Amino acid sequence: CAGALISPTFVLTAAHCFPKQGTLSCWMMPNMCRAMKERKVQIGLLGRNKYQPLIKLPVKRIIVHPEFELYTPHHDIALVELQISIPCTPYSKPIC
């Protein structure tokens, strides 16, 4: 699963990445399972070269839309709140 950094402490992503509200289950994207079990978000994964650092930050909580249901396309949105703010770099900064 991917997301967009919308502030120094929040990532906007899809609710289907978290099948049960508030859990860190990982079943759709096996390559992300390790990061989810560690409760960390990887920042700057896309568009970087091998010399640019990958930032991993701990997750404080996950907020899934209260009306999300796994087998429908509606309300498929979630916020991931980070424990610490993301340092702003050319490769990791909020989209707005």
N, C-alpha and C. Protein backbone atom coordinates (compact mmCIF):
# COMPACT_ATOMS: atom_id res chain seq x y z
N CYS A 1 0.84 -1.19 0.00
CA CYS A 1 0.00 0.00 0.00
C CYS A 1 0.88 1.25 0.00
N ALA A 2 0.37 2.26 -0.61
CA ALA A 2 1.08 3.53 -0.67
C ALA A 2 0.22 4.60 0.00
N GLY A 3 0.80 5.74 0.20
CA GLY A 3 0.07 6.85 0.81
C GLY A 3 0.69 8.16 0.41
N ALA A 4 0.06 9.22 0.86
CA ALA A 4 0.55 10.57 0.60
C ALA A 4 0.72 11.29 1.92
N LEU A 5 1.87 11.89 2.10
CA LEU A 5 2.12 12.68 3.29
C LEU A 5 1.33 13.98 3.17
N ILE A 6 0.37 14.21 4.08
CA ILE A 6 -0.47 15.41 3.98
C ILE A 6 -0.11 16.45 5.03
N SER A 7 0.71 16.09 5.98
CA SER A 7 1.23 17.02 6.98
C SER A 7 2.49 16.36 7.55
N PRO A 8 3.24 17.05 8.39
CA PRO A 8 4.44 16.42 8.94
C PRO A 8 4.16 15.17 9.79
N THR A 9 2.90 14.99 10.23
CA THR A 9 2.59 13.84 11.09
C THR A 9 1.48 12.93 10.58
N PHE A 10 0.90 13.20 9.41
CA PHE A 10 -0.20 12.36 8.90
C PHE A 10 0.04 11.90 7.47
N VAL A 11 -0.28 10.63 7.22
CA VAL A 11 -0.22 10.02 5.89
C VAL A 11 -1.63 9.60 5.52
N LEU A 12 -2.07 9.99 4.33
CA LEU A 12 -3.38 9.59 3.80
C LEU A 12 -3.17 8.34 2.97
N THR A 13 -3.97 7.31 3.23
CA THR A 13 -3.82 6.05 2.53
C THR A 13 -5.18 5.38 2.37
N ALA A 14 -5.19 4.14 1.94
CA ALA A 14 -6.43 3.39 1.73
C ALA A 14 -6.77 2.56 2.96
N ALA A 15 -8.04 2.51 3.28
CA ALA A 15 -8.49 1.73 4.43
C ALA A 15 -8.32 0.23 4.20
N HIS A 16 -8.36 -0.22 2.94
CA HIS A 16 -8.24 -1.66 2.69
C HIS A 16 -6.86 -2.20 3.07
N CYS A 17 -5.93 -1.32 3.34
CA CYS A 17 -4.62 -1.75 3.83
C CYS A 17 -4.70 -2.27 5.27
N PHE A 18 -5.79 -1.94 5.95
CA PHE A 18 -6.00 -2.32 7.34
C PHE A 18 -7.38 -2.95 7.46
N PRO A 19 -7.52 -4.24 7.17
CA PRO A 19 -8.83 -4.88 7.11
C PRO A 19 -9.68 -4.72 8.37
N LYS A 20 -9.08 -4.70 9.53
CA LYS A 20 -9.84 -4.49 10.76
C LYS A 20 -9.43 -3.14 11.31
N GLN A 21 -10.41 -2.33 11.64
CA GLN A 21 -10.13 -0.97 12.09
C GLN A 21 -9.13 -0.97 13.24
N GLY A 22 -8.08 -0.16 13.06
CA GLY A 22 -7.09 0.00 14.10
C GLY A 22 -6.02 -1.07 14.16
N THR A 23 -6.08 -2.08 13.29
CA THR A 23 -5.06 -3.12 13.32
C THR A 23 -4.01 -2.85 12.26
N LEU A 24 -2.94 -3.58 12.36
CA LEU A 24 -1.87 -3.45 11.37
C LEU A 24 -1.77 -4.73 10.55
N SER A 25 -2.92 -5.34 10.24
CA SER A 25 -2.93 -6.54 9.40
C SER A 25 -2.41 -6.19 8.02
N CYS A 26 -1.74 -7.12 7.43
CA CYS A 26 -1.21 -6.89 6.08
C CYS A 26 -1.46 -8.15 5.28
N TRP A 27 -2.41 -8.09 4.37
CA TRP A 27 -2.74 -9.29 3.62
C TRP A 27 -2.77 -9.05 2.12
N MET A 28 -2.95 -7.83 1.67
CA MET A 28 -3.05 -7.58 0.24
C MET A 28 -1.69 -7.32 -0.41
N MET A 29 -0.77 -6.75 0.33
CA MET A 29 0.53 -6.38 -0.23
C MET A 29 1.64 -7.03 0.60
N PRO A 30 2.02 -8.26 0.28
CA PRO A 30 3.01 -8.96 1.10
C PRO A 30 4.33 -8.22 1.27
N ASN A 31 4.73 -7.42 0.27
CA ASN A 31 6.00 -6.70 0.39
C ASN A 31 5.96 -5.62 1.46
N MET A 32 4.77 -5.26 1.92
CA MET A 32 4.65 -4.24 2.97
C MET A 32 4.46 -4.85 4.35
N CYS A 33 4.30 -6.16 4.44
CA CYS A 33 4.00 -6.79 5.72
C CYS A 33 5.05 -6.50 6.78
N ARG A 34 6.30 -6.57 6.41
CA ARG A 34 7.36 -6.35 7.38
C ARG A 34 7.26 -4.96 8.00
N ALA A 35 7.06 -3.94 7.18
CA ALA A 35 6.96 -2.57 7.70
C ALA A 35 5.73 -2.41 8.58
N MET A 36 4.61 -3.04 8.21
CA MET A 36 3.40 -2.89 9.00
C MET A 36 3.54 -3.57 10.36
N LYS A 37 4.16 -4.74 10.40
CA LYS A 37 4.34 -5.43 11.68
C LYS A 37 5.27 -4.64 12.60
N GLU A 38 6.20 -3.93 12.02
CA GLU A 38 7.10 -3.10 12.81
C GLU A 38 6.43 -1.79 13.23
N ARG A 39 5.22 -1.53 12.72
CA ARG A 39 4.49 -0.29 12.99
C ARG A 39 5.31 0.92 12.56
N LYS A 40 5.83 0.84 11.35
CA LYS A 40 6.61 1.95 10.80
C LYS A 40 6.12 2.30 9.41
N VAL A 41 6.29 3.56 9.05
CA VAL A 41 5.96 4.03 7.71
C VAL A 41 7.28 4.37 7.03
N GLN A 42 7.41 3.95 5.78
CA GLN A 42 8.60 4.26 5.01
C GLN A 42 8.31 5.49 4.16
N ILE A 43 9.13 6.51 4.32
CA ILE A 43 8.95 7.77 3.60
C ILE A 43 10.05 7.91 2.56
N GLY A 44 9.67 8.36 1.37
CA GLY A 44 10.64 8.59 0.32
C GLY A 44 11.00 7.35 -0.46
N LEU A 45 10.14 6.34 -0.43
CA LEU A 45 10.43 5.07 -1.11
C LEU A 45 10.43 5.23 -2.62
N LEU A 46 9.48 5.98 -3.16
CA LEU A 46 9.39 6.17 -4.60
C LEU A 46 10.25 7.34 -5.05
N GLY A 47 10.90 7.19 -6.17
CA GLY A 47 11.65 8.29 -6.75
C GLY A 47 13.02 8.52 -6.16
N ARG A 48 13.50 7.61 -5.34
CA ARG A 48 14.82 7.82 -4.75
C ARG A 48 15.82 6.90 -5.41
N ASN A 49 17.10 7.26 -5.34
CA ASN A 49 18.13 6.36 -5.83
C ASN A 49 18.77 5.65 -4.64
N LYS A 50 19.68 4.74 -4.91
CA LYS A 50 20.24 3.92 -3.82
C LYS A 50 21.09 4.71 -2.83
N TYR A 51 21.46 5.94 -3.17
CA TYR A 51 22.28 6.75 -2.27
C TYR A 51 21.45 7.65 -1.36
N GLN A 52 20.17 7.75 -1.63
CA GLN A 52 19.30 8.59 -0.80
C GLN A 52 18.73 7.75 0.34
N PRO A 53 18.71 8.30 1.54
CA PRO A 53 18.25 7.51 2.68
C PRO A 53 16.74 7.27 2.64
N LEU A 54 16.35 6.12 3.14
CA LEU A 54 14.94 5.79 3.31
C LEU A 54 14.58 6.09 4.76
N ILE A 55 13.57 6.90 4.97
CA ILE A 55 13.18 7.29 6.32
C ILE A 55 12.08 6.34 6.80
N LYS A 56 12.30 5.73 7.98
CA LYS A 56 11.29 4.86 8.60
C LYS A 56 10.87 5.52 9.90
N LEU A 57 9.56 5.75 10.03
CA LEU A 57 9.05 6.42 11.22
C LEU A 57 7.99 5.56 11.90
N PRO A 58 7.97 5.56 13.24
CA PRO A 58 6.98 4.76 13.96
C PRO A 58 5.57 5.34 13.86
N VAL A 59 4.59 4.44 13.88
CA VAL A 59 3.18 4.81 13.78
C VAL A 59 2.59 4.98 15.18
N LYS A 60 1.87 6.08 15.37
CA LYS A 60 1.18 6.32 16.64
C LYS A 60 -0.19 5.66 16.63
N ARG A 61 -0.96 5.88 15.56
CA ARG A 61 -2.28 5.25 15.45
C ARG A 61 -2.75 5.29 14.00
N ILE A 62 -3.75 4.46 13.72
CA ILE A 62 -4.37 4.39 12.40
C ILE A 62 -5.84 4.71 12.56
N ILE A 63 -6.33 5.63 11.75
CA ILE A 63 -7.73 6.04 11.80
C ILE A 63 -8.38 5.62 10.48
N VAL A 64 -9.25 4.62 10.55
CA VAL A 64 -9.95 4.12 9.37
C VAL A 64 -11.34 4.75 9.34
N HIS A 65 -11.81 5.13 8.15
CA HIS A 65 -13.15 5.72 8.02
C HIS A 65 -14.16 4.80 8.70
N PRO A 66 -15.02 5.34 9.56
CA PRO A 66 -15.94 4.50 10.34
C PRO A 66 -16.95 3.72 9.50
N GLU A 67 -17.20 4.13 8.27
CA GLU A 67 -18.16 3.42 7.42
C GLU A 67 -17.49 2.51 6.39
N PHE A 68 -16.19 2.33 6.51
CA PHE A 68 -15.50 1.47 5.56
C PHE A 68 -15.88 0.01 5.78
N GLU A 69 -16.16 -0.69 4.67
CA GLU A 69 -16.39 -2.13 4.68
C GLU A 69 -15.46 -2.74 3.64
N LEU A 70 -14.80 -3.80 4.00
CA LEU A 70 -13.74 -4.38 3.18
C LEU A 70 -14.17 -4.74 1.76
N TYR A 71 -15.38 -5.23 1.58
CA TYR A 71 -15.78 -5.72 0.26
C TYR A 71 -16.58 -4.72 -0.55
N THR A 72 -16.50 -3.44 -0.22
CA THR A 72 -17.13 -2.39 -1.03
C THR A 72 -16.07 -1.34 -1.34
N PRO A 73 -16.27 -0.57 -2.41
CA PRO A 73 -15.29 0.47 -2.75
C PRO A 73 -15.53 1.79 -2.01
N HIS A 74 -16.55 1.85 -1.18
CA HIS A 74 -16.92 3.10 -0.53
C HIS A 74 -16.10 3.35 0.75
N HIS A 75 -15.79 4.61 1.00
CA HIS A 75 -15.12 5.05 2.24
C HIS A 75 -13.77 4.37 2.45
N ASP A 76 -13.09 4.06 1.36
CA ASP A 76 -11.80 3.37 1.44
C ASP A 76 -10.69 4.38 1.68
N ILE A 77 -10.67 4.92 2.90
CA ILE A 77 -9.71 5.97 3.24
C ILE A 77 -9.29 5.80 4.70
N ALA A 78 -8.03 6.10 4.96
CA ALA A 78 -7.50 6.01 6.32
C ALA A 78 -6.40 7.04 6.50
N LEU A 79 -6.20 7.41 7.75
CA LEU A 79 -5.09 8.29 8.13
C LEU A 79 -4.15 7.51 9.03
N VAL A 80 -2.88 7.65 8.79
CA VAL A 80 -1.86 7.07 9.66
C VAL A 80 -1.19 8.23 10.36
N GLU A 81 -1.29 8.25 11.67
CA GLU A 81 -0.63 9.31 12.45
C GLU A 81 0.73 8.79 12.90
N LEU A 82 1.74 9.59 12.67
CA LEU A 82 3.11 9.22 13.02
C LEU A 82 3.44 9.68 14.43
N GLN A 83 4.33 8.96 15.08
CA GLN A 83 4.73 9.33 16.44
C GLN A 83 5.58 10.60 16.47
N ILE A 84 6.32 10.83 15.40
CA ILE A 84 7.15 12.03 15.32
C ILE A 84 6.95 12.69 13.96
N SER A 85 7.28 13.95 13.87
CA SER A 85 7.13 14.67 12.61
C SER A 85 8.21 14.24 11.61
N ILE A 86 7.83 14.28 10.35
CA ILE A 86 8.75 13.92 9.27
C ILE A 86 9.67 15.11 8.99
N PRO A 87 10.97 14.88 8.94
CA PRO A 87 11.85 15.96 8.53
C PRO A 87 11.62 16.29 7.06
N CYS A 88 11.53 17.55 6.75
CA CYS A 88 11.27 17.98 5.38
C CYS A 88 12.57 17.96 4.58
N THR A 89 12.58 17.14 3.51
CA THR A 89 13.72 17.05 2.60
C THR A 89 13.18 17.11 1.18
N PRO A 90 14.04 17.20 0.18
CA PRO A 90 13.53 17.17 -1.20
C PRO A 90 12.78 15.89 -1.54
N TYR A 91 13.01 14.81 -0.78
CA TYR A 91 12.38 13.52 -1.06
C TYR A 91 11.28 13.16 -0.08
N SER A 92 11.07 13.96 0.94
CA SER A 92 10.01 13.69 1.91
C SER A 92 9.44 15.01 2.41
N LYS A 93 8.31 15.39 1.83
CA LYS A 93 7.63 16.60 2.26
C LYS A 93 6.15 16.44 1.95
N PRO A 94 5.29 17.14 2.71
CA PRO A 94 3.85 17.03 2.47
C PRO A 94 3.46 17.45 1.05
N ILE A 95 2.39 16.83 0.54
CA ILE A 95 1.96 17.13 -0.83
C ILE A 95 1.32 18.50 -0.95
N CYS A 96 0.86 19.07 0.16
CA CYS A 96 0.23 20.39 0.08
C CYS A 96 0.85 21.36 1.06
